[in-house]
Amino acid sequence: MYLLNGKSEHCIAISDRGFQYGDGLFETIEVINGTPVFLNQHLQRLDKGCKKLLIPTPDIDLLRNEANQLVKGSAKAVLKLMVTRGSGGRGYRQPDSIQATRLFSLHPFPDYPENLLTRGINARFCKTRLGLNPALAGIKHMNRLEQVIARSEWTSSDIHEGIMLDINGNVIEGTMSNIFLVKGHCLYTPLIEQCGVEGVLRNIIIFLAKQNNIPVVEKMLNTADVFSADELFVSNSIIGLWPIQKIEQQSFKIGPIFNKLQHLFTDYKQEAVNVH
């Protein structure tokens, strides 16, 4: 199911700059019982990204209404929102008058095994490195070739996520997730200043930890920090929180900080769905 600029269409102009240059942004949103979960937070990040890319933000109330229209009646699904700069001819120069394209699409929810949450996942470090670009750090822009290449590094179903480093060897994120480390009752997560995506769920986890007296430190981390962690987990808006049970050849236990945050997040999400 699709809504293209408010209409039930699925053909975008080949001159659209999202297709031509990846000139746009996207959000991936969980849907539960006809509710787009954390929709306001996703729209806030979209607005932040539009401002960075100098794309006129579509009317937020319009986006909210179209999202609710498309997900109505869906018990469990994934809603994807893309906003591009629209059509603008050949060349990098922006058109004088920007007419942003907005596209909603609704997809089946991934069939992830339930025991990934209780048992934990297997992860690996990717060889593909993230380039540095502070101007684009944090936002979820449509240029994701680094993640595409990194995800092609493995095909085994036994590996559930790849951890990516930047060109200086700093741990930044997973191919589709943010990463958290626990060391001595303190929660650590990489800084998202030079590259990486500032995940909606990442910010929620940081908020919940601080609200519940779990110290949070955002800093540059390396592989040695990962291997010396007491607990490891990754997050995104679709998977929620997944503990890492093994990365490369080292095993980790699911610990009390993860269990507490998982419980807090479950309650927080349930409240968000109920309020809607």
C-alpha atoms as a PDB file:
ATOM      1  CA  MET A   1       0.000   0.000   0.000  1.00  0.00           C
ATOM      2  CA  TYR A   2       1.286   3.437  -0.935  1.00  0.00           C
ATOM      3  CA  LEU A   3       0.389   7.107  -0.546  1.00  0.00           C
ATOM      4  CA  LEU A   4       2.332   9.348  -2.904  1.00  0.00           C
ATOM      5  CA  ASN A   5       1.718  13.025  -2.165  1.00  0.00           C
ATOM      6  CA  GLY A   6      -1.581  12.013  -0.607  1.00  0.00           C
ATOM      7  CA  LYS A   7      -2.753   9.823  -3.488  1.00  0.00           C
ATOM      8  CA  SER A   8      -2.866   6.052  -3.819  1.00  0.00           C
ATOM      9  CA  GLU A   9      -0.108   5.821  -6.414  1.00  0.00           C
ATOM     10  CA  HIS A  10       3.249   4.088  -6.625  1.00  0.00           C
ATOM     11  CA  CYS A  11       4.965   5.678  -9.644  1.00  0.00           C
ATOM     12  CA  ILE A  12       7.492   8.422  -8.899  1.00  0.00           C
ATOM     13  CA  ALA A  13       8.886  10.678 -11.644  1.00  0.00           C
ATOM     14  CA  ILE A  14      12.294   9.509 -12.870  1.00  0.00           C
ATOM     15  CA  SER A  15      13.417  13.131 -12.492  1.00  0.00           C
ATOM     16  CA  ASP A  16      12.841  12.974  -8.719  1.00  0.00           C
ATOM     17  CA  ARG A  17      16.054  13.870  -6.903  1.00  0.00           C
ATOM     18  CA  GLY A  18      15.512  11.048  -4.425  1.00  0.00           C
ATOM     19  CA  PHE A  19      16.034   8.638  -7.313  1.00  0.00           C
ATOM     20  CA  GLN A  20      18.670  10.750  -9.071  1.00  0.00           C
ATOM     21  CA  TYR A  21      20.883  11.583  -6.071  1.00  0.00           C
ATOM     22  CA  GLY A  22      19.433  10.073  -2.906  1.00  0.00           C
ATOM     23  CA  ASP A  23      18.445  13.653  -2.123  1.00  0.00           C
ATOM     24  CA  GLY A  24      16.043  13.028   0.711  1.00  0.00           C
ATOM     25  CA  LEU A  25      15.293  11.409   4.044  1.00  0.00           C
ATOM     26  CA  PHE A  26      13.327   8.470   5.374  1.00  0.00           C
ATOM     27  CA  GLU A  27      11.778   7.139   8.565  1.00  0.00           C
ATOM     28  CA  THR A  28      10.923   3.526   9.414  1.00  0.00           C
ATOM     29  CA  ILE A  29       8.076   3.228  11.902  1.00  0.00           C
ATOM     30  CA  GLU A  30       6.559   0.287  13.763  1.00  0.00           C
ATOM     31  CA  VAL A  31       2.784  -0.084  13.512  1.00  0.00           C
ATOM     32  CA  ILE A  32       0.770  -1.763  16.287  1.00  0.00           C
ATOM     33  CA  ASN A  33      -3.021  -2.077  16.105  1.00  0.00           C
ATOM     34  CA  GLY A  34      -3.371   0.788  13.655  1.00  0.00           C
ATOM     35  CA  THR A  35      -0.998   3.062  15.596  1.00  0.00           C
ATOM     36  CA  PRO A  36       2.307   4.348  14.161  1.00  0.00           C
ATOM     37  CA  VAL A  37       4.495   3.970  17.261  1.00  0.00           C
ATOM     38  CA  PHE A  38       6.490   7.066  18.314  1.00  0.00           C
ATOM     39  CA  LEU A  39       5.216   8.921  15.260  1.00  0.00           C
ATOM     40  CA  ASN A  40       5.845  12.333  16.827  1.00  0.00           C
ATOM     41  CA  GLN A  41       9.499  11.491  17.501  1.00  0.00           C
ATOM     42  CA  HIS A  42       9.960  10.259  13.938  1.00  0.00           C
ATOM     43  CA  LEU A  43       8.398  13.415  12.522  1.00  0.00           C
ATOM     44  CA  GLN A  44      10.622  15.551  14.748  1.00  0.00           C
ATOM     45  CA  ARG A  45      13.721  13.804  13.393  1.00  0.00           C
ATOM     46  CA  LEU A  46      12.412  14.162   9.844  1.00  0.00           C
ATOM     47  CA  ASP A  47      11.932  17.891  10.392  1.00  0.00           C
ATOM     48  CA  LYS A  48      15.473  18.170  11.774  1.00  0.00           C
ATOM     49  CA  GLY A  49      16.826  16.346   8.720  1.00  0.00           C
ATOM     50  CA  CYS A  50      14.828  18.509   6.307  1.00  0.00           C
ATOM     51  CA  LYS A  51      16.257  21.634   7.913  1.00  0.00           C
ATOM     52  CA  LYS A  52      19.805  20.271   7.573  1.00  0.00           C
ATOM     53  CA  LEU A  53      19.282  19.424   3.902  1.00  0.00           C
ATOM     54  CA  LEU A  54      17.356  22.643   3.195  1.00  0.00           C
ATOM     55  CA  ILE A  55      14.288  20.698   2.068  1.00  0.00           C
ATOM     56  CA  PRO A  56      10.976  22.383   2.969  1.00  0.00           C
ATOM     57  CA  THR A  57       9.399  20.175   5.639  1.00  0.00           C
ATOM     58  CA  PRO A  58       5.975  18.917   4.546  1.00  0.00           C
ATOM     59  CA  ASP A  59       3.163  20.011   6.841  1.00  0.00           C
ATOM     60  CA  ILE A  60       3.523  17.887   9.984  1.00  0.00           C
ATOM     61  CA  ASP A  61      -0.219  17.603  10.586  1.00  0.00           C
ATOM     62  CA  LEU A  62      -0.659  16.479   6.981  1.00  0.00           C
ATOM     63  CA  LEU A  63       2.024  13.805   7.423  1.00  0.00           C
ATOM     64  CA  ARG A  64       0.426  12.639  10.652  1.00  0.00           C
ATOM     65  CA  ASN A  65      -2.999  12.371   9.026  1.00  0.00           C
ATOM     66  CA  GLU A  66      -1.667  10.497   6.002  1.00  0.00           C
ATOM     67  CA  ALA A  67       0.262   8.094   8.229  1.00  0.00           C
ATOM     68  CA  ASN A  68      -2.823   7.324  10.300  1.00  0.00           C
ATOM     69  CA  GLN A  69      -4.876   6.915   7.129  1.00  0.00           C
ATOM     70  CA  LEU A  70      -2.521   4.317   5.662  1.00  0.00           C
ATOM     71  CA  VAL A  71      -2.053   2.217   8.808  1.00  0.00           C
ATOM     72  CA  LYS A  72      -5.733   2.070   9.752  1.00  0.00           C
ATOM     73  CA  GLY A  73      -6.703  -1.543  10.393  1.00  0.00           C
ATOM     74  CA  SER A  74      -3.110  -2.867  10.412  1.00  0.00           C
ATOM     75  CA  ALA A  75      -2.439  -5.095  13.420  1.00  0.00           C
ATOM     76  CA  LYS A  76       1.340  -5.312  12.951  1.00  0.00           C
ATOM     77  CA  ALA A  77       3.280  -3.689  10.122  1.00  0.00           C
ATOM     78  CA  VAL A  78       6.129  -1.374   9.133  1.00  0.00           C
ATOM     79  CA  LEU A  79       5.401   2.115   7.849  1.00  0.00           C
ATOM     80  CA  LYS A  80       8.072   3.803   5.773  1.00  0.00           C
ATOM     81  CA  LEU A  81       8.043   7.537   5.090  1.00  0.00           C
ATOM     82  CA  MET A  82      10.294   9.099   2.463  1.00  0.00           C
ATOM     83  CA  VAL A  83      10.632  12.799   1.728  1.00  0.00           C
ATOM     84  CA  THR A  84      12.723  13.961  -1.237  1.00  0.00           C
ATOM     85  CA  ARG A  85      13.544  17.343  -2.714  1.00  0.00           C
ATOM     86  CA  GLY A  86      11.226  16.502  -5.602  1.00  0.00           C
ATOM     87  CA  SER A  87      12.043  16.864  -9.288  1.00  0.00           C
ATOM     88  CA  GLY A  88      14.731  19.237 -10.448  1.00  0.00           C
ATOM     89  CA  GLY A  89      16.271  18.212 -13.737  1.00  0.00           C
ATOM     90  CA  ARG A  90      19.856  17.112 -14.359  1.00  0.00           C
ATOM     91  CA  GLY A  91      22.694  18.500 -12.213  1.00  0.00           C
ATOM     92  CA  TYR A  92      23.343  19.007  -8.522  1.00  0.00           C
ATOM     93  CA  ARG A  93      21.962  22.536  -8.364  1.00  0.00           C
ATOM     94  CA  GLN A  94      18.716  22.677  -6.435  1.00  0.00           C
ATOM     95  CA  PRO A  95      15.631  23.866  -8.276  1.00  0.00           C
ATOM     96  CA  ASP A  96      14.637  27.455  -7.540  1.00  0.00           C
ATOM     97  CA  SER A  97      11.220  26.291  -6.412  1.00  0.00           C
ATOM     98  CA  ILE A  98      11.325  23.096  -4.347  1.00  0.00           C
ATOM     99  CA  GLN A  99       8.228  20.902  -4.341  1.00  0.00           C
ATOM    100  CA  ALA A 100       9.076  18.113  -1.913  1.00  0.00           C
ATOM    101  CA  THR A 101       7.861  14.592  -2.661  1.00  0.00           C
ATOM    102  CA  ARG A 102       6.364  12.622   0.223  1.00  0.00           C
ATOM    103  CA  LEU A 103       5.806   8.878   0.039  1.00  0.00           C
ATOM    104  CA  PHE A 104       4.303   6.537   2.605  1.00  0.00           C
ATOM    105  CA  SER A 105       4.501   2.780   2.102  1.00  0.00           C
ATOM    106  CA  LEU A 106       3.180  -0.018   4.303  1.00  0.00           C
ATOM    107  CA  HIS A 107       5.014  -3.335   4.598  1.00  0.00           C
ATOM    108  CA  PRO A 108       4.650  -6.667   6.446  1.00  0.00           C
ATOM    109  CA  PHE A 109       6.440  -6.802   9.781  1.00  0.00           C
ATOM    110  CA  PRO A 110       9.706  -8.811   9.629  1.00  0.00           C
ATOM    111  CA  ASP A 111       9.447 -12.364  10.885  1.00  0.00           C
ATOM    112  CA  TYR A 112      12.199 -12.205  13.501  1.00  0.00           C
ATOM    113  CA  PRO A 113      12.580 -15.236  15.810  1.00  0.00           C
ATOM    114  CA  GLU A 114      11.213 -14.418  19.266  1.00  0.00           C
ATOM    115  CA  ASN A 115      14.232 -15.907  21.013  1.00  0.00           C
ATOM    116  CA  LEU A 116      16.495 -13.148  19.691  1.00  0.00           C
ATOM    117  CA  LEU A 117      15.223 -11.046  22.583  1.00  0.00           C
ATOM    118  CA  THR A 118      15.561 -13.734  25.244  1.00  0.00           C
ATOM    119  CA  ARG A 119      18.671 -15.528  23.988  1.00  0.00           C
ATOM    120  CA  GLY A 120      20.464 -12.668  22.267  1.00  0.00           C
ATOM    121  CA  ILE A 121      21.935 -12.213  18.800  1.00  0.00           C
ATOM    122  CA  ASN A 122      25.215 -13.021  17.109  1.00  0.00           C
ATOM    123  CA  ALA A 123      27.054 -10.025  15.663  1.00  0.00           C
ATOM    124  CA  ARG A 124      30.262  -9.355  13.776  1.00  0.00           C
ATOM    125  CA  PHE A 125      32.433  -6.386  12.938  1.00  0.00           C
ATOM    126  CA  CYS A 126      32.129  -5.151   9.360  1.00  0.00           C
ATOM    127  CA  LYS A 127      35.121  -4.438   7.147  1.00  0.00           C
ATOM    128  CA  THR A 128      33.282  -1.576   5.448  1.00  0.00           C
ATOM    129  CA  ARG A 129      34.016   1.692   7.244  1.00  0.00           C
ATOM    130  CA  LEU A 130      31.880   4.798   7.676  1.00  0.00           C
ATOM    131  CA  GLY A 131      33.189   8.034   6.216  1.00  0.00           C
ATOM    132  CA  LEU A 132      33.152  11.224   8.298  1.00  0.00           C
ATOM    133  CA  ASN A 133      30.735  14.027   7.483  1.00  0.00           C
ATOM    134  CA  PRO A 134      29.509  16.181  10.413  1.00  0.00           C
ATOM    135  CA  ALA A 135      27.045  17.983   8.120  1.00  0.00           C
ATOM    136  CA  LEU A 136      25.109  14.733   7.613  1.00  0.00           C
ATOM    137  CA  ALA A 137      25.759  13.038  10.968  1.00  0.00           C
ATOM    138  CA  GLY A 138      22.659  12.096  12.906  1.00  0.00           C
ATOM    139  CA  ILE A 139      20.028  12.451  10.185  1.00  0.00           C
ATOM    140  CA  LYS A 140      18.537   9.491   8.317  1.00  0.00           C
ATOM    141  CA  HIS A 141      19.271  10.583   4.778  1.00  0.00           C
ATOM    142  CA  MET A 142      18.681   8.339   1.779  1.00  0.00           C
ATOM    143  CA  ASN A 143      22.377   7.788   0.944  1.00  0.00           C
ATOM    144  CA  ARG A 144      22.965   4.424   2.635  1.00  0.00           C
ATOM    145  CA  LEU A 145      25.530   2.767   0.351  1.00  0.00           C
ATOM    146  CA  GLU A 146      27.951   2.179   3.240  1.00  0.00           C
ATOM    147  CA  GLN A 147      25.300   0.169   5.071  1.00  0.00           C
ATOM    148  CA  VAL A 148      24.305  -1.677   1.889  1.00  0.00           C
ATOM    149  CA  ILE A 149      27.902  -2.728   1.237  1.00  0.00           C
ATOM    150  CA  ALA A 150      28.473  -3.642   4.890  1.00  0.00           C
ATOM    151  CA  ARG A 151      25.337  -5.797   4.972  1.00  0.00           C
ATOM    152  CA  SER A 152      26.563  -7.697   1.898  1.00  0.00           C
ATOM    153  CA  GLU A 153      29.559  -8.957   3.888  1.00  0.00           C
ATOM    154  CA  TRP A 154      27.615 -11.900   5.325  1.00  0.00           C
ATOM    155  CA  THR A 155      24.824 -14.193   4.204  1.00  0.00           C
ATOM    156  CA  SER A 156      24.646 -16.614   7.144  1.00  0.00           C
ATOM    157  CA  SER A 157      21.360 -16.549   9.038  1.00  0.00           C
ATOM    158  CA  ASP A 158      23.400 -17.126  12.215  1.00  0.00           C
ATOM    159  CA  ILE A 159      24.634 -13.522  12.069  1.00  0.00           C
ATOM    160  CA  HIS A 160      21.946 -10.990  12.919  1.00  0.00           C
ATOM    161  CA  GLU A 161      23.801  -7.674  12.808  1.00  0.00           C
ATOM    162  CA  GLY A 162      27.107  -6.144  11.746  1.00  0.00           C
ATOM    163  CA  ILE A 163      28.855  -3.479  13.807  1.00  0.00           C
ATOM    164  CA  MET A 164      30.391  -0.633  11.808  1.00  0.00           C
ATOM    165  CA  LEU A 165      33.471   1.454  12.583  1.00  0.00           C
ATOM    166  CA  ASP A 166      34.390   4.817  11.122  1.00  0.00           C
ATOM    167  CA  ILE A 167      37.569   5.319   9.097  1.00  0.00           C
ATOM    168  CA  ASN A 168      39.471   6.092  12.325  1.00  0.00           C
ATOM    169  CA  GLY A 169      38.481   2.808  13.957  1.00  0.00           C
ATOM    170  CA  ASN A 170      35.804   4.172  16.284  1.00  0.00           C
ATOM    171  CA  VAL A 171      32.732   2.021  16.895  1.00  0.00           C
ATOM    172  CA  ILE A 172      29.696   3.937  15.611  1.00  0.00           C
ATOM    173  CA  GLU A 173      26.609   1.746  15.060  1.00  0.00           C
ATOM    174  CA  GLY A 174      25.185  -1.406  13.544  1.00  0.00           C
ATOM    175  CA  THR A 175      24.218  -1.630   9.891  1.00  0.00           C
ATOM    176  CA  MET A 176      20.592  -1.114  10.947  1.00  0.00           C
ATOM    177  CA  SER A 177      20.880  -0.212  14.618  1.00  0.00           C
ATOM    178  CA  ASN A 178      22.539   1.822  17.340  1.00  0.00           C
ATOM    179  CA  ILE A 179      24.796   0.068  19.828  1.00  0.00           C
ATOM    180  CA  PHE A 180      25.009   0.324  23.639  1.00  0.00           C
ATOM    181  CA  LEU A 181      27.618  -0.977  26.064  1.00  0.00           C
ATOM    182  CA  VAL A 182      27.301  -1.528  29.805  1.00  0.00           C
ATOM    183  CA  LYS A 183      30.381  -1.268  31.981  1.00  0.00           C
ATOM    184  CA  GLY A 184      30.225  -1.057  35.755  1.00  0.00           C
ATOM    185  CA  HIS A 185      26.523  -0.091  35.946  1.00  0.00           C
ATOM    186  CA  CYS A 186      27.055   2.733  33.446  1.00  0.00           C
ATOM    187  CA  LEU A 187      25.526   2.859  29.958  1.00  0.00           C
ATOM    188  CA  TYR A 188      27.792   3.905  27.086  1.00  0.00           C
ATOM    189  CA  THR A 189      26.901   4.663  23.479  1.00  0.00           C
ATOM    190  CA  PRO A 190      28.973   6.157  20.640  1.00  0.00           C
ATOM    191  CA  LEU A 191      28.882   9.867  19.897  1.00  0.00           C
ATOM    192  CA  ILE A 192      26.989  10.664  16.710  1.00  0.00           C
ATOM    193  CA  GLU A 193      28.890  13.805  15.714  1.00  0.00           C
ATOM    194  CA  GLN A 194      31.009  12.820  12.716  1.00  0.00           C
ATOM    195  CA  CYS A 195      28.851  10.060  11.210  1.00  0.00           C
ATOM    196  CA  GLY A 196      26.074   7.634  12.059  1.00  0.00           C
ATOM    197  CA  VAL A 197      22.328   7.809  12.589  1.00  0.00           C
ATOM    198  CA  GLU A 198      20.774   9.287  15.711  1.00  0.00           C
ATOM    199  CA  GLY A 199      18.087   6.665  16.131  1.00  0.00           C
ATOM    200  CA  VAL A 200      14.677   7.511  17.544  1.00  0.00           C
ATOM    201  CA  LEU A 201      14.943   4.513  19.848  1.00  0.00           C
ATOM    202  CA  ARG A 202      18.498   5.473  20.806  1.00  0.00           C
ATOM    203  CA  ASN A 203      17.193   8.752  22.191  1.00  0.00           C
ATOM    204  CA  ILE A 204      14.340   7.013  23.996  1.00  0.00           C
ATOM    205  CA  ILE A 205      16.746   4.566  25.658  1.00  0.00           C
ATOM    206  CA  ILE A 206      18.994   7.425  26.794  1.00  0.00           C
ATOM    207  CA  PHE A 207      15.943   9.255  28.172  1.00  0.00           C
ATOM    208  CA  LEU A 208      14.661   6.192  30.045  1.00  0.00           C
ATOM    209  CA  ALA A 209      18.102   5.439  31.495  1.00  0.00           C
ATOM    210  CA  LYS A 210      18.560   8.984  32.811  1.00  0.00           C
ATOM    211  CA  GLN A 211      15.013   9.044  34.208  1.00  0.00           C
ATOM    212  CA  ASN A 212      15.784   5.867  36.153  1.00  0.00           C
ATOM    213  CA  ASN A 213      19.201   6.831  37.551  1.00  0.00           C
ATOM    214  CA  ILE A 214      21.276   4.801  35.107  1.00  0.00           C
ATOM    215  CA  PRO A 215      24.322   6.935  34.211  1.00  0.00           C
ATOM    216  CA  VAL A 216      24.703   7.505  30.459  1.00  0.00           C
ATOM    217  CA  VAL A 217      27.933   8.463  28.702  1.00  0.00           C
ATOM    218  CA  GLU A 218      28.160   9.353  25.009  1.00  0.00           C
ATOM    219  CA  LYS A 219      31.794   9.079  23.923  1.00  0.00           C
ATOM    220  CA  MET A 220      34.128   7.709  21.296  1.00  0.00           C
ATOM    221  CA  LEU A 221      34.409   3.936  21.697  1.00  0.00           C
ATOM    222  CA  ASN A 222      36.681   1.353  20.106  1.00  0.00           C
ATOM    223  CA  THR A 223      36.634  -2.410  19.655  1.00  0.00           C
ATOM    224  CA  ALA A 224      38.527  -2.921  22.926  1.00  0.00           C
ATOM    225  CA  ASP A 225      35.673  -1.156  24.737  1.00  0.00           C
ATOM    226  CA  VAL A 226      33.217  -3.530  23.083  1.00  0.00           C
ATOM    227  CA  PHE A 227      35.138  -6.669  24.032  1.00  0.00           C
ATOM    228  CA  SER A 228      35.551  -5.486  27.649  1.00  0.00           C
ATOM    229  CA  ALA A 229      31.867  -4.611  28.122  1.00  0.00           C
ATOM    230  CA  ASP A 230      29.745  -6.364  30.731  1.00  0.00           C
ATOM    231  CA  GLU A 231      26.667  -6.186  28.500  1.00  0.00           C
ATOM    232  CA  LEU A 232      26.020  -5.287  24.872  1.00  0.00           C
ATOM    233  CA  PHE A 233      22.820  -4.566  22.998  1.00  0.00           C
ATOM    234  CA  VAL A 234      21.553  -2.887  19.839  1.00  0.00           C
ATOM    235  CA  SER A 235      18.344  -1.017  19.104  1.00  0.00           C
ATOM    236  CA  ASN A 236      16.150   0.347  16.371  1.00  0.00           C
ATOM    237  CA  SER A 237      12.500   1.261  15.961  1.00  0.00           C
ATOM    238  CA  ILE A 238      11.515  -2.108  14.471  1.00  0.00           C
ATOM    239  CA  ILE A 239      13.519  -4.638  16.497  1.00  0.00           C
ATOM    240  CA  GLY A 240      13.301  -2.748  19.777  1.00  0.00           C
ATOM    241  CA  LEU A 241      16.226  -3.858  21.957  1.00  0.00           C
ATOM    242  CA  TRP A 242      18.280  -6.931  21.109  1.00  0.00           C
ATOM    243  CA  PRO A 243      20.992  -8.159  23.491  1.00  0.00           C
ATOM    244  CA  ILE A 244      24.230  -9.336  21.897  1.00  0.00           C
ATOM    245  CA  GLN A 245      25.192 -12.808  23.109  1.00  0.00           C
ATOM    246  CA  LYS A 246      28.241 -13.164  20.873  1.00  0.00           C
ATOM    247  CA  ILE A 247      30.409 -10.920  18.734  1.00  0.00           C
ATOM    248  CA  GLU A 248      33.197 -12.511  16.746  1.00  0.00           C
ATOM    249  CA  GLN A 249      34.403 -15.253  19.149  1.00  0.00           C
ATOM    250  CA  GLN A 250      33.533 -13.545  22.441  1.00  0.00           C
ATOM    251  CA  SER A 251      30.362 -14.302  24.369  1.00  0.00           C
ATOM    252  CA  PHE A 252      28.338 -11.951  26.565  1.00  0.00           C
ATOM    253  CA  LYS A 253      25.625 -12.475  29.138  1.00  0.00           C
ATOM    254  CA  ILE A 254      22.292 -10.712  29.208  1.00  0.00           C
ATOM    255  CA  GLY A 255      22.644  -8.537  32.290  1.00  0.00           C
ATOM    256  CA  PRO A 256      20.560  -6.513  34.737  1.00  0.00           C
ATOM    257  CA  ILE A 257      20.895  -3.166  32.952  1.00  0.00           C
ATOM    258  CA  PHE A 258      19.563  -4.585  29.705  1.00  0.00           C
ATOM    259  CA  ASN A 259      16.735  -6.359  31.506  1.00  0.00           C
ATOM    260  CA  LYS A 260      15.772  -3.163  33.309  1.00  0.00           C
ATOM    261  CA  LEU A 261      15.856  -1.049  30.162  1.00  0.00           C
ATOM    262  CA  GLN A 262      13.900  -3.668  28.233  1.00  0.00           C
ATOM    263  CA  HIS A 263      11.203  -3.612  30.911  1.00  0.00           C
ATOM    264  CA  LEU A 264      11.132   0.190  31.000  1.00  0.00           C
ATOM    265  CA  PHE A 265      10.944   0.383  27.219  1.00  0.00           C
ATOM    266  CA  THR A 266       8.108  -2.161  27.000  1.00  0.00           C
ATOM    267  CA  ASP A 267       6.038  -0.095  29.441  1.00  0.00           C
ATOM    268  CA  TYR A 268       6.942   3.165  27.703  1.00  0.00           C
ATOM    269  CA  LYS A 269       5.925   1.844  24.299  1.00  0.00           C
ATOM    270  CA  GLN A 270       2.698   0.371  25.613  1.00  0.00           C
ATOM    271  CA  GLU A 271       1.794   3.721  27.124  1.00  0.00           C
ATOM    272  CA  ALA A 272       2.547   5.469  23.816  1.00  0.00           C
ATOM    273  CA  VAL A 273       0.267   3.063  21.936  1.00  0.00           C
ATOM    274  CA  ASN A 274      -2.520   3.376  24.502  1.00  0.00           C
ATOM    275  CA  VAL A 275      -2.377   7.177  24.562  1.00  0.00           C
ATOM    276  CA  HIS A 276      -2.734   7.275  20.780  1.00  0.00           C
END
